[in-house]
Amino acid sequence: MAGELWLGSQPAKGISMAKEEIRPGRSTNPAGSEFFNRLQEMRRDWMARATAEIELSLKLSKKLEAADSVPDALAAYQEWLNEEMGARAQDARLLMSNGQKFTDATSRFLSSGWTNVGMTT
């Protein structure tokens, strides 16, 4: 049964599926490698942003806990809001940058995959 593919109840003899081990950074296709590397880079960027968001929230919690008066709490919220707005602006820049890089990598990945496929009539 090696090298057979079952279609319904009958095996299709002579048809075998190519087995390619897919590991980011080790693709045989340079465009595919770039595509997966870009995805990993984007994941790292967003994980770093998520970590920064958690740290910002913890900082606010500590300041609110240490606040002795309403003005102290308001000052902590004001500082948090300023930092939060800066972080949202950074997120927007990162989203636009990563979106462009992803689109470019996807385009190269897809075009390299289709260049070897010809139309036959």
PDB file of N, CA and C in Angstrom:
ATOM      1  N   MET A   1       0.796  -1.198   0.000  1.00  0.00           N
ATOM      2  CA  MET A   1       0.000   0.000   0.000  1.00  0.00           C
ATOM      3  C   MET A   1       0.839   1.264   0.000  1.00  0.00           C
ATOM      4  N   ALA A   2       2.147   1.110   0.083  1.00  0.00           N
ATOM      5  CA  ALA A   2       3.016   2.283   0.060  1.00  0.00           C
ATOM      6  C   ALA A   2       2.903   2.955  -1.296  1.00  0.00           C
ATOM      7  N   GLY A   3       2.814   4.253  -1.304  1.00  0.00           N
ATOM      8  CA  GLY A   3       2.719   5.005  -2.552  1.00  0.00           C
ATOM      9  C   GLY A   3       1.323   5.045  -3.128  1.00  0.00           C
ATOM     10  N   GLU A   4       0.325   4.583  -2.368  1.00  0.00           N
ATOM     11  CA  GLU A   4      -1.052   4.609  -2.859  1.00  0.00           C
ATOM     12  C   GLU A   4      -1.842   5.658  -2.098  1.00  0.00           C
ATOM     13  N   LEU A   5      -2.762   6.267  -2.779  1.00  0.00           N
ATOM     14  CA  LEU A   5      -3.644   7.242  -2.186  1.00  0.00           C
ATOM     15  C   LEU A   5      -5.053   6.714  -2.328  1.00  0.00           C
ATOM     16  N   TRP A   6      -5.766   6.602  -1.268  1.00  0.00           N
ATOM     17  CA  TRP A   6      -7.126   6.066  -1.301  1.00  0.00           C
ATOM     18  C   TRP A   6      -8.094   7.160  -1.694  1.00  0.00           C
ATOM     19  N   LEU A   7      -8.845   6.932  -2.733  1.00  0.00           N
ATOM     20  CA  LEU A   7      -9.893   7.839  -3.176  1.00  0.00           C
ATOM     21  C   LEU A   7     -11.201   7.068  -3.090  1.00  0.00           C
ATOM     22  N   GLY A   8     -12.008   7.393  -2.113  1.00  0.00           N
ATOM     23  CA  GLY A   8     -13.241   6.638  -1.922  1.00  0.00           C
ATOM     24  C   GLY A   8     -12.891   5.241  -1.474  1.00  0.00           C
ATOM     25  N   SER A   9     -13.354   4.245  -2.215  1.00  0.00           N
ATOM     26  CA  SER A   9     -13.093   2.866  -1.829  1.00  0.00           C
ATOM     27  C   SER A   9     -12.014   2.227  -2.688  1.00  0.00           C
ATOM     28  N   GLN A  10     -11.442   2.976  -3.654  1.00  0.00           N
ATOM     29  CA  GLN A  10     -10.432   2.402  -4.529  1.00  0.00           C
ATOM     30  C   GLN A  10      -9.136   3.191  -4.426  1.00  0.00           C
ATOM     31  N   PRO A  11      -8.016   2.467  -4.334  1.00  0.00           N
ATOM     32  CA  PRO A  11      -6.736   3.175  -4.269  1.00  0.00           C
ATOM     33  C   PRO A  11      -6.337   3.693  -5.643  1.00  0.00           C
ATOM     34  N   ALA A  12      -5.725   4.854  -5.662  1.00  0.00           N
ATOM     35  CA  ALA A  12      -5.185   5.410  -6.903  1.00  0.00           C
ATOM     36  C   ALA A  12      -3.718   5.043  -6.932  1.00  0.00           C
ATOM     37  N   LYS A  13      -3.353   4.078  -7.766  1.00  0.00           N
ATOM     38  CA  LYS A  13      -1.976   3.578  -7.804  1.00  0.00           C
ATOM     39  C   LYS A  13      -1.062   4.582  -8.498  1.00  0.00           C
ATOM     40  N   GLY A  14       0.148   4.668  -7.994  1.00  0.00           N
ATOM     41  CA  GLY A  14       1.140   5.525  -8.617  1.00  0.00           C
ATOM     42  C   GLY A  14       1.077   6.974  -8.163  1.00  0.00           C
ATOM     43  N   ILE A  15       0.095   7.311  -7.355  1.00  0.00           N
ATOM     44  CA  ILE A  15      -0.019   8.687  -6.872  1.00  0.00           C
ATOM     45  C   ILE A  15       0.549   8.733  -5.468  1.00  0.00           C
ATOM     46  N   SER A  16       1.528   9.549  -5.279  1.00  0.00           N
ATOM     47  CA  SER A  16       2.076   9.718  -3.937  1.00  0.00           C
ATOM     48  C   SER A  16       2.183  11.202  -3.650  1.00  0.00           C
ATOM     49  N   MET A  17       2.046  11.522  -2.421  1.00  0.00           N
ATOM     50  CA  MET A  17       2.099  12.912  -1.992  1.00  0.00           C
ATOM     51  C   MET A  17       3.536  13.245  -1.605  1.00  0.00           C
ATOM     52  N   ALA A  18       4.007  14.365  -2.083  1.00  0.00           N
ATOM     53  CA  ALA A  18       5.347  14.810  -1.709  1.00  0.00           C
ATOM     54  C   ALA A  18       5.325  15.242  -0.260  1.00  0.00           C
ATOM     55  N   LYS A  19       6.281  14.771   0.482  1.00  0.00           N
ATOM     56  CA  LYS A  19       6.365  15.136   1.896  1.00  0.00           C
ATOM     57  C   LYS A  19       7.499  16.121   2.066  1.00  0.00           C
ATOM     58  N   GLU A  20       7.136  17.324   2.440  1.00  0.00           N
ATOM     59  CA  GLU A  20       8.141  18.360   2.663  1.00  0.00           C
ATOM     60  C   GLU A  20       8.011  18.807   4.101  1.00  0.00           C
ATOM     61  N   GLU A  21       9.095  18.738   4.792  1.00  0.00           N
ATOM     62  CA  GLU A  21       9.095  19.186   6.168  1.00  0.00           C
ATOM     63  C   GLU A  21       9.137  20.702   6.166  1.00  0.00           C
ATOM     64  N   ILE A  22       8.150  21.303   6.790  1.00  0.00           N
ATOM     65  CA  ILE A  22       8.057  22.761   6.784  1.00  0.00           C
ATOM     66  C   ILE A  22       8.546  23.280   8.123  1.00  0.00           C
ATOM     67  N   ARG A  23       9.669  23.973   8.078  1.00  0.00           N
ATOM     68  CA  ARG A  23      10.207  24.637   9.254  1.00  0.00           C
ATOM     69  C   ARG A  23      10.570  26.053   8.863  1.00  0.00           C
ATOM     70  N   PRO A  24      10.087  27.023   9.621  1.00  0.00           N
ATOM     71  CA  PRO A  24      10.418  28.404   9.289  1.00  0.00           C
ATOM     72  C   PRO A  24      11.933  28.593   9.216  1.00  0.00           C
ATOM     73  N   GLY A  25      12.362  29.288   8.190  1.00  0.00           N
ATOM     74  CA  GLY A  25      13.781  29.572   8.032  1.00  0.00           C
ATOM     75  C   GLY A  25      14.537  28.471   7.315  1.00  0.00           C
ATOM     76  N   ARG A  26      13.878  27.328   7.063  1.00  0.00           N
ATOM     77  CA  ARG A  26      14.557  26.223   6.401  1.00  0.00           C
ATOM     78  C   ARG A  26      13.815  25.771   5.154  1.00  0.00           C
ATOM     79  N   SER A  27      12.972  26.597   4.642  1.00  0.00           N
ATOM     80  CA  SER A  27      12.220  26.263   3.443  1.00  0.00           C
ATOM     81  C   SER A  27      13.168  26.192   2.248  1.00  0.00           C
ATOM     82  N   THR A  28      12.850  25.294   1.312  1.00  0.00           N
ATOM     83  CA  THR A  28      13.667  25.219   0.112  1.00  0.00           C
ATOM     84  C   THR A  28      13.368  26.383  -0.817  1.00  0.00           C
ATOM     85  N   ASN A  29      12.239  27.014  -0.635  1.00  0.00           N
ATOM     86  CA  ASN A  29      11.825  28.150  -1.444  1.00  0.00           C
ATOM     87  C   ASN A  29      12.220  29.429  -0.702  1.00  0.00           C
ATOM     88  N   PRO A  30      13.099  30.261  -1.270  1.00  0.00           N
ATOM     89  CA  PRO A  30      13.521  31.479  -0.574  1.00  0.00           C
ATOM     90  C   PRO A  30      12.349  32.401  -0.230  1.00  0.00           C
ATOM     91  N   ALA A  31      11.370  32.487  -1.123  1.00  0.00           N
ATOM     92  CA  ALA A  31      10.219  33.351  -0.844  1.00  0.00           C
ATOM     93  C   ALA A  31       9.406  32.776   0.309  1.00  0.00           C
ATOM     94  N   GLY A  32       9.290  31.462   0.372  1.00  0.00           N
ATOM     95  CA  GLY A  32       8.565  30.827   1.470  1.00  0.00           C
ATOM     96  C   GLY A  32       9.273  31.037   2.786  1.00  0.00           C
ATOM     97  N   SER A  33      10.583  30.960   2.767  1.00  0.00           N
ATOM     98  CA  SER A  33      11.374  31.195   3.961  1.00  0.00           C
ATOM     99  C   SER A  33      11.190  32.635   4.433  1.00  0.00           C
ATOM    100  N   GLU A  34      11.224  33.563   3.495  1.00  0.00           N
ATOM    101  CA  GLU A  34      11.026  34.975   3.841  1.00  0.00           C
ATOM    102  C   GLU A  34       9.632  35.192   4.433  1.00  0.00           C
ATOM    103  N   PHE A  35       8.640  34.529   3.840  1.00  0.00           N
ATOM    104  CA  PHE A  35       7.261  34.658   4.305  1.00  0.00           C
ATOM    105  C   PHE A  35       7.148  34.196   5.756  1.00  0.00           C
ATOM    106  N   PHE A  36       7.689  33.013   6.070  1.00  0.00           N
ATOM    107  CA  PHE A  36       7.592  32.497   7.434  1.00  0.00           C
ATOM    108  C   PHE A  36       8.450  33.304   8.397  1.00  0.00           C
ATOM    109  N   ASN A  37       9.586  33.791   7.944  1.00  0.00           N
ATOM    110  CA  ASN A  37      10.406  34.648   8.796  1.00  0.00           C
ATOM    111  C   ASN A  37       9.676  35.945   9.122  1.00  0.00           C
ATOM    112  N   ARG A  38       8.965  36.491   8.143  1.00  0.00           N
ATOM    113  CA  ARG A  38       8.195  37.710   8.353  1.00  0.00           C
ATOM    114  C   ARG A  38       7.088  37.464   9.392  1.00  0.00           C
ATOM    115  N   LEU A  39       6.421  36.317   9.294  1.00  0.00           N
ATOM    116  CA  LEU A  39       5.382  35.978  10.272  1.00  0.00           C
ATOM    117  C   LEU A  39       5.967  35.875  11.678  1.00  0.00           C
ATOM    118  N   GLN A  40       7.132  35.261  11.793  1.00  0.00           N
ATOM    119  CA  GLN A  40       7.772  35.157  13.108  1.00  0.00           C
ATOM    120  C   GLN A  40       8.151  36.533  13.650  1.00  0.00           C
ATOM    121  N   GLU A  41       8.650  37.383  12.781  1.00  0.00           N
ATOM    122  CA  GLU A  41       9.020  38.737  13.198  1.00  0.00           C
ATOM    123  C   GLU A  41       7.787  39.500  13.696  1.00  0.00           C
ATOM    124  N   MET A  42       6.688  39.363  12.952  1.00  0.00           N
ATOM    125  CA  MET A  42       5.457  40.035  13.357  1.00  0.00           C
ATOM    126  C   MET A  42       4.959  39.501  14.696  1.00  0.00           C
ATOM    127  N   ARG A  43       5.059  38.195  14.905  1.00  0.00           N
ATOM    128  CA  ARG A  43       4.631  37.598  16.168  1.00  0.00           C
ATOM    129  C   ARG A  43       5.477  38.143  17.320  1.00  0.00           C
ATOM    130  N   ARG A  44       6.794  38.227  17.106  1.00  0.00           N
ATOM    131  CA  ARG A  44       7.673  38.763  18.149  1.00  0.00           C
ATOM    132  C   ARG A  44       7.336  40.221  18.468  1.00  0.00           C
ATOM    133  N   ASP A  45       7.090  41.025  17.424  1.00  0.00           N
ATOM    134  CA  ASP A  45       6.740  42.429  17.634  1.00  0.00           C
ATOM    135  C   ASP A  45       5.477  42.565  18.474  1.00  0.00           C
ATOM    136  N   TRP A  46       4.459  41.786  18.141  1.00  0.00           N
ATOM    137  CA  TRP A  46       3.191  41.916  18.856  1.00  0.00           C
ATOM    138  C   TRP A  46       3.259  41.331  20.259  1.00  0.00           C
ATOM    139  N   MET A  47       4.081  40.316  20.458  1.00  0.00           N
ATOM    140  CA  MET A  47       4.269  39.800  21.811  1.00  0.00           C
ATOM    141  C   MET A  47       4.993  40.835  22.673  1.00  0.00           C
ATOM    142  N   ALA A  48       5.941  41.534  22.084  1.00  0.00           N
ATOM    143  CA  ALA A  48       6.638  42.596  22.808  1.00  0.00           C
ATOM    144  C   ALA A  48       5.664  43.714  23.169  1.00  0.00           C
ATOM    145  N   ARG A  49       4.761  44.043  22.248  1.00  0.00           N
ATOM    146  CA  ARG A  49       3.766  45.088  22.530  1.00  0.00           C
ATOM    147  C   ARG A  49       2.808  44.627  23.630  1.00  0.00           C
ATOM    148  N   ALA A  50       2.410  43.363  23.606  1.00  0.00           N
ATOM    149  CA  ALA A  50       1.514  42.840  24.644  1.00  0.00           C
ATOM    150  C   ALA A  50       2.200  42.878  26.008  1.00  0.00           C
ATOM    151  N   THR A  51       3.473  42.549  26.043  1.00  0.00           N
ATOM    152  CA  THR A  51       4.239  42.597  27.291  1.00  0.00           C
ATOM    153  C   THR A  51       4.330  44.033  27.802  1.00  0.00           C
ATOM    154  N   ALA A  52       4.580  44.968  26.906  1.00  0.00           N
ATOM    155  CA  ALA A  52       4.652  46.382  27.290  1.00  0.00           C
ATOM    156  C   ALA A  52       3.301  46.852  27.830  1.00  0.00           C
ATOM    157  N   GLU A  53       2.208  46.374  27.237  1.00  0.00           N
ATOM    158  CA  GLU A  53       0.866  46.751  27.701  1.00  0.00           C
ATOM    159  C   GLU A  53       0.621  46.242  29.115  1.00  0.00           C
ATOM    160  N   ILE A  54       1.054  45.036  29.387  1.00  0.00           N
ATOM    161  CA  ILE A  54       0.892  44.470  30.734  1.00  0.00           C
ATOM    162  C   ILE A  54       1.715  45.266  31.735  1.00  0.00           C
ATOM    163  N   GLU A  55       2.940  45.589  31.363  1.00  0.00           N
ATOM    164  CA  GLU A  55       3.802  46.368  32.260  1.00  0.00           C
ATOM    165  C   GLU A  55       3.212  47.746  32.551  1.00  0.00           C
ATOM    166  N   LEU A  56       2.615  48.362  31.536  1.00  0.00           N
ATOM    167  CA  LEU A  56       1.982  49.671  31.721  1.00  0.00           C
ATOM    168  C   LEU A  56       0.795  49.572  32.684  1.00  0.00           C
ATOM    169  N   SER A  57       0.029  48.516  32.554  1.00  0.00           N
ATOM    170  CA  SER A  57      -1.111  48.315  33.452  1.00  0.00           C
ATOM    171  C   SER A  57      -0.657  48.051  34.885  1.00  0.00           C
ATOM    172  N   LEU A  58       0.389  47.266  35.032  1.00  0.00           N
ATOM    173  CA  LEU A  58       0.918  47.002  36.375  1.00  0.00           C
ATOM    174  C   LEU A  58       1.456  48.278  37.015  1.00  0.00           C
ATOM    175  N   LYS A  59       2.090  49.104  36.209  1.00  0.00           N
ATOM    176  CA  LYS A  59       2.610  50.383  36.706  1.00  0.00           C
ATOM    177  C   LYS A  59       1.462  51.258  37.217  1.00  0.00           C
ATOM    178  N   LEU A  60       0.362  51.284  36.457  1.00  0.00           N
ATOM    179  CA  LEU A  60      -0.807  52.055  36.895  1.00  0.00           C
ATOM    180  C   LEU A  60      -1.362  51.493  38.199  1.00  0.00           C
ATOM    181  N   SER A  61      -1.464  50.184  38.283  1.00  0.00           N
ATOM    182  CA  SER A  61      -1.990  49.552  39.505  1.00  0.00           C
ATOM    183  C   SER A  61      -1.163  49.927  40.728  1.00  0.00           C
ATOM    184  N   LYS A  62       0.156  49.878  40.576  1.00  0.00           N
ATOM    185  CA  LYS A  62       1.037  50.222  41.696  1.00  0.00           C
ATOM    186  C   LYS A  62       0.875  51.683  42.101  1.00  0.00           C
ATOM    187  N   LYS A  63       0.754  52.581  41.113  1.00  0.00           N
ATOM    188  CA  LYS A  63       0.599  54.003  41.423  1.00  0.00           C
ATOM    189  C   LYS A  63      -0.747  54.274  42.093  1.00  0.00           C
ATOM    190  N   LEU A  64      -1.791  53.584  41.631  1.00  0.00           N
ATOM    191  CA  LEU A  64      -3.099  53.778  42.258  1.00  0.00           C
ATOM    192  C   LEU A  64      -3.108  53.239  43.686  1.00  0.00           C
ATOM    193  N   GLU A  65      -2.424  52.143  43.899  1.00  0.00           N
ATOM    194  CA  GLU A  65      -2.335  51.570  45.239  1.00  0.00           C
ATOM    195  C   GLU A  65      -1.589  52.500  46.181  1.00  0.00           C
ATOM    196  N   ALA A  66      -0.589  53.194  45.651  1.00  0.00           N
ATOM    197  CA  ALA A  66       0.214  54.102  46.469  1.00  0.00           C
ATOM    198  C   ALA A  66      -0.423  55.488  46.611  1.00  0.00           C
ATOM    199  N   ALA A  67      -1.474  55.761  45.825  1.00  0.00           N
ATOM    200  CA  ALA A  67      -2.107  57.088  45.869  1.00  0.00           C
ATOM    201  C   ALA A  67      -2.776  57.303  47.223  1.00  0.00           C
ATOM    202  N   ASP A  68      -2.501  58.486  47.799  1.00  0.00           N
ATOM    203  CA  ASP A  68      -3.071  58.821  49.104  1.00  0.00           C
ATOM    204  C   ASP A  68      -4.286  59.724  48.988  1.00  0.00           C
ATOM    205  N   SER A  69      -4.508  60.282  47.799  1.00  0.00           N
ATOM    206  CA  SER A  69      -5.618  61.214  47.622  1.00  0.00           C
ATOM    207  C   SER A  69      -6.170  61.092  46.204  1.00  0.00           C
ATOM    208  N   VAL A  70      -7.307  61.731  45.995  1.00  0.00           N
ATOM    209  CA  VAL A  70      -7.915  61.731  44.661  1.00  0.00           C
ATOM    210  C   VAL A  70      -7.006  62.419  43.651  1.00  0.00           C
ATOM    211  N   PRO A  71      -6.385  63.558  43.989  1.00  0.00           N
ATOM    212  CA  PRO A  71      -5.469  64.163  43.013  1.00  0.00           C
ATOM    213  C   PRO A  71      -4.297  63.245  42.637  1.00  0.00           C
ATOM    214  N   ASP A  72      -3.792  62.469  43.598  1.00  0.00           N
ATOM    215  CA  ASP A  72      -2.716  61.520  43.284  1.00  0.00           C
ATOM    216  C   ASP A  72      -3.213  60.449  42.309  1.00  0.00           C
ATOM    217  N   ALA A  73      -4.431  59.963  42.540  1.00  0.00           N
ATOM    218  CA  ALA A  73      -5.006  58.942  41.654  1.00  0.00           C
ATOM    219  C   ALA A  73      -5.243  59.533  40.265  1.00  0.00           C
ATOM    220  N   LEU A  74      -5.747  60.764  40.213  1.00  0.00           N
ATOM    221  CA  LEU A  74      -5.968  61.407  38.912  1.00  0.00           C
ATOM    222  C   LEU A  74      -4.658  61.635  38.169  1.00  0.00           C
ATOM    223  N   ALA A  75      -3.619  61.989  38.896  1.00  0.00           N
ATOM    224  CA  ALA A  75      -2.307  62.185  38.272  1.00  0.00           C
ATOM    225  C   ALA A  75      -1.786  60.850  37.718  1.00  0.00           C
ATOM    226  N   ALA A  76      -2.023  59.765  38.452  1.00  0.00           N
ATOM    227  CA  ALA A  76      -1.600  58.441  37.976  1.00  0.00           C
ATOM    228  C   ALA A  76      -2.357  58.069  36.704  1.00  0.00           C
ATOM    229  N   TYR A  77      -3.669  58.344  36.698  1.00  0.00           N
ATOM    230  CA  TYR A  77      -4.459  58.064  35.490  1.00  0.00           C
ATOM    231  C   TYR A  77      -4.017  58.936  34.319  1.00  0.00           C
ATOM    232  N   GLN A  78      -3.706  60.196  34.588  1.00  0.00           N
ATOM    233  CA  GLN A  78      -3.256  61.100  33.524  1.00  0.00           C
ATOM    234  C   GLN A  78      -1.948  60.606  32.916  1.00  0.00           C
ATOM    235  N   GLU A  79      -1.009  60.203  33.774  1.00  0.00           N
ATOM    236  CA  GLU A  79       0.270  59.684  33.284  1.00  0.00           C
ATOM    237  C   GLU A  79       0.041  58.404  32.468  1.00  0.00           C
ATOM    238  N   TRP A  80      -0.824  57.519  32.990  1.00  0.00           N
ATOM    239  CA  TRP A  80      -1.139  56.279  32.278  1.00  0.00           C
ATOM    240  C   TRP A  80      -1.767  56.570  30.911  1.00  0.00           C
ATOM    241  N   LEU A  81      -2.697  57.526  30.885  1.00  0.00           N
ATOM    242  CA  LEU A  81      -3.375  57.862  29.633  1.00  0.00           C
ATOM    243  C   LEU A  81      -2.391  58.402  28.604  1.00  0.00           C
ATOM    244  N   ASN A  82      -1.467  59.261  29.043  1.00  0.00           N
ATOM    245  CA  ASN A  82      -0.444  59.780  28.117  1.00  0.00           C
ATOM    246  C   ASN A  82       0.403  58.645  27.542  1.00  0.00           C
ATOM    247  N   GLU A  83       0.831  57.734  28.398  1.00  0.00           N
ATOM    248  CA  GLU A  83       1.638  56.605  27.936  1.00  0.00           C
ATOM    249  C   GLU A  83       0.814  55.670  27.052  1.00  0.00           C
ATOM    250  N   GLU A  84      -0.440  55.485  27.407  1.00  0.00           N
ATOM    251  CA  GLU A  84      -1.327  54.614  26.621  1.00  0.00           C
ATOM    252  C   GLU A  84      -1.549  55.186  25.219  1.00  0.00           C
ATOM    253  N   MET A  85      -1.738  56.487  25.128  1.00  0.00           N
ATOM    254  CA  MET A  85      -1.929  57.111  23.813  1.00  0.00           C
ATOM    255  C   MET A  85      -0.659  56.989  22.966  1.00  0.00           C
ATOM    256  N   GLY A  86       0.497  57.144  23.590  1.00  0.00           N
ATOM    257  CA  GLY A  86       1.764  56.946  22.876  1.00  0.00           C
ATOM    258  C   GLY A  86       1.908  55.506  22.394  1.00  0.00           C
ATOM    259  N   ALA A  87       1.492  54.567  23.232  1.00  0.00           N
ATOM    260  CA  ALA A  87       1.563  53.151  22.855  1.00  0.00           C
ATOM    261  C   ALA A  87       0.617  52.846  21.695  1.00  0.00           C
ATOM    262  N   ARG A  88      -0.567  53.465  21.701  1.00  0.00           N
ATOM    263  CA  ARG A  88      -1.509  53.230  20.594  1.00  0.00           C
ATOM    264  C   ARG A  88      -0.965  53.798  19.286  1.00  0.00           C
ATOM    265  N   ALA A  89      -0.285  54.938  19.365  1.00  0.00           N
ATOM    266  CA  ALA A  89       0.336  55.500  18.164  1.00  0.00           C
ATOM    267  C   ALA A  89       1.448  54.580  17.661  1.00  0.00           C
ATOM    268  N   GLN A  90       2.230  54.029  18.586  1.00  0.00           N
ATOM    269  CA  GLN A  90       3.278  53.085  18.208  1.00  0.00           C
ATOM    270  C   GLN A  90       2.659  51.824  17.603  1.00  0.00           C
ATOM    271  N   ASP A  91       1.557  51.344  18.173  1.00  0.00           N
ATOM    272  CA  ASP A  91       0.865  50.178  17.622  1.00  0.00           C
ATOM    273  C   ASP A  91       0.400  50.432  16.192  1.00  0.00           C
ATOM    274  N   ALA A  92      -0.125  51.614  15.946  1.00  0.00           N
ATOM    275  CA  ALA A  92      -0.599  51.948  14.597  1.00  0.00           C
ATOM    276  C   ALA A  92       0.557  51.954  13.601  1.00  0.00           C
ATOM    277  N   ARG A  93       1.696  52.532  14.002  1.00  0.00           N
ATOM    278  CA  ARG A  93       2.869  52.536  13.121  1.00  0.00           C
ATOM    279  C   ARG A  93       3.350  51.110  12.863  1.00  0.00           C
ATOM    280  N   LEU A  94       3.369  50.300  13.911  1.00  0.00           N
ATOM    281  CA  LEU A  94       3.799  48.908  13.783  1.00  0.00           C
ATOM    282  C   LEU A  94       2.845  48.127  12.895  1.00  0.00           C
ATOM    283  N   LEU A  95       1.556  48.358  13.049  1.00  0.00           N
ATOM    284  CA  LEU A  95       0.565  47.677  12.219  1.00  0.00           C
ATOM    285  C   LEU A  95       0.744  48.033  10.750  1.00  0.00           C
ATOM    286  N   MET A  96       0.935  49.295  10.461  1.00  0.00           N
ATOM    287  CA  MET A  96       1.127  49.715   9.078  1.00  0.00           C
ATOM    288  C   MET A  96       2.426  49.150   8.503  1.00  0.00           C
ATOM    289  N   SER A  97       3.491  49.197   9.265  1.00  0.00           N
ATOM    290  CA  SER A  97       4.782  48.682   8.810  1.00  0.00           C
ATOM    291  C   SER A  97       4.711  47.175   8.578  1.00  0.00           C
ATOM    292  N   ASN A  98       4.185  46.450   9.563  1.00  0.00           N
ATOM    293  CA  ASN A  98       4.071  44.997   9.421  1.00  0.00           C
ATOM    294  C   ASN A  98       3.110  44.617   8.306  1.00  0.00           C
ATOM    295  N   GLY A  99       2.052  45.379   8.150  1.00  0.00           N
ATOM    296  CA  GLY A  99       1.102  45.101   7.079  1.00  0.00           C
ATOM    297  C   GLY A  99       1.757  45.213   5.715  1.00  0.00           C
ATOM    298  N   GLN A 100       2.572  46.240   5.534  1.00  0.00           N
ATOM    299  CA  GLN A 100       3.273  46.413   4.268  1.00  0.00           C
ATOM    300  C   GLN A 100       4.290  45.303   4.043  1.00  0.00           C
ATOM    301  N   LYS A 101       5.060  44.974   5.084  1.00  0.00           N
ATOM    302  CA  LYS A 101       6.046  43.901   4.969  1.00  0.00           C
ATOM    303  C   LYS A 101       5.365  42.566   4.677  1.00  0.00           C
ATOM    304  N   PHE A 102       4.251  42.314   5.345  1.00  0.00           N
ATOM    305  CA  PHE A 102       3.511  41.068   5.137  1.00  0.00           C
ATOM    306  C   PHE A 102       2.968  40.984   3.712  1.00  0.00           C
ATOM    307  N   THR A 103       2.428  42.092   3.232  1.00  0.00           N
ATOM    308  CA  THR A 103       1.901  42.124   1.864  1.00  0.00           C
ATOM    309  C   THR A 103       3.010  41.872   0.852  1.00  0.00           C
ATOM    310  N   ASP A 104       4.160  42.491   1.046  1.00  0.00           N
ATOM    311  CA  ASP A 104       5.292  42.289   0.142  1.00  0.00           C
ATOM    312  C   ASP A 104       5.768  40.839   0.166  1.00  0.00           C
ATOM    313  N   ALA A 105       5.910  40.280   1.370  1.00  0.00           N
ATOM    314  CA  ALA A 105       6.378  38.896   1.496  1.00  0.00           C
ATOM    315  C   ALA A 105       5.362  37.923   0.909  1.00  0.00           C
ATOM    316  N   THR A 106       4.082  38.178   1.138  1.00  0.00           N
ATOM    317  CA  THR A 106       3.028  37.315   0.591  1.00  0.00           C
ATOM    318  C   THR A 106       3.038  37.365  -0.920  1.00  0.00           C
ATOM    319  N   SER A 107       3.194  38.541  -1.462  1.00  0.00           N
ATOM    320  CA  SER A 107       3.237  38.697  -2.911  1.00  0.00           C
ATOM    321  C   SER A 107       4.396  37.917  -3.514  1.00  0.00           C
ATOM    322  N   ARG A 108       5.577  38.036  -2.902  1.00  0.00           N
ATOM    323  CA  ARG A 108       6.743  37.300  -3.409  1.00  0.00           C
ATOM    324  C   ARG A 108       6.545  35.796  -3.236  1.00  0.00           C
ATOM    325  N   PHE A 109       5.970  35.380  -2.105  1.00  0.00           N
ATOM    326  CA  PHE A 109       5.738  33.960  -1.838  1.00  0.00           C
ATOM    327  C   PHE A 109       4.771  33.372  -2.858  1.00  0.00           C
ATOM    328  N   LEU A 110       3.669  34.062  -3.094  1.00  0.00           N
ATOM    329  CA  LEU A 110       2.674  33.546  -4.029  1.00  0.00           C
ATOM    330  C   LEU A 110       3.174  33.591  -5.473  1.00  0.00           C
ATOM    331  N   SER A 111       3.868  34.651  -5.835  1.00  0.00           N
ATOM    332  CA  SER A 111       4.354  34.741  -7.215  1.00  0.00           C
ATOM    333  C   SER A 111       5.434  33.705  -7.487  1.00  0.00           C
ATOM    334  N   SER A 112       6.251  33.376  -6.504  1.00  0.00           N
ATOM    335  CA  SER A 112       7.287  32.358  -6.724  1.00  0.00           C
ATOM    336  C   SER A 112       6.655  30.983  -6.845  1.00  0.00           C
ATOM    337  N   GLY A 113       5.533  30.757  -6.182  1.00  0.00           N
ATOM    338  CA  GLY A 113       4.857  29.478  -6.265  1.00  0.00           C
ATOM    339  C   GLY A 113       4.130  29.293  -7.580  1.00  0.00           C
ATOM    340  N   TRP A 114       3.719  30.382  -8.195  1.00  0.00           N
ATOM    341  CA  TRP A 114       2.939  30.293  -9.422  1.00  0.00           C
ATOM    342  C   TRP A 114       3.785  30.443 -10.677  1.00  0.00           C
ATOM    343  N   THR A 115       5.037  30.827 -10.544  1.00  0.00           N
ATOM    344  CA  THR A 115       5.852  31.018 -11.742  1.00  0.00           C
ATOM    345  C   THR A 115       6.167  29.707 -12.445  1.00  0.00           C
ATOM    346  N   ASN A 116       6.159  28.600 -11.701  1.00  0.00           N
ATOM    347  CA  ASN A 116       6.474  27.311 -12.283  1.00  0.00           C
ATOM    348  C   ASN A 116       5.249  26.608 -12.857  1.00  0.00           C
ATOM    349  N   VAL A 117       4.063  27.174 -12.659  1.00  0.00           N
ATOM    350  CA  VAL A 117       2.842  26.558 -13.149  1.00  0.00           C
ATOM    351  C   VAL A 117       2.471  27.227 -14.464  1.00  0.00           C
ATOM    352  N   GLY A 118       2.424  26.474 -15.512  1.00  0.00           N
ATOM    353  CA  GLY A 118       2.099  27.061 -16.819  1.00  0.00           C
ATOM    354  C   GLY A 118       0.687  26.697 -17.232  1.00  0.00           C
ATOM    355  N   MET A 119       0.107  27.537 -18.037  1.00  0.00           N
ATOM    356  CA  MET A 119      -1.227  27.274 -18.575  1.00  0.00           C
ATOM    357  C   MET A 119      -1.052  26.417 -19.821  1.00  0.00           C
ATOM    358  N   THR A 120      -1.728  25.295 -19.893  1.00  0.00           N
ATOM    359  CA  THR A 120      -1.660  24.447 -21.084  1.00  0.00           C
ATOM    360  C   THR A 120      -3.001  24.440 -21.758  1.00  0.00           C
ATOM    361  N   THR A 121      -2.972  24.472 -23.054  1.00  0.00           N
ATOM    362  CA  THR A 121      -4.239  24.467 -23.811  1.00  0.00           C
ATOM    363  C   THR A 121      -4.295  23.292 -24.728  1.00  0.00           C
TER     364      THR A 121
END
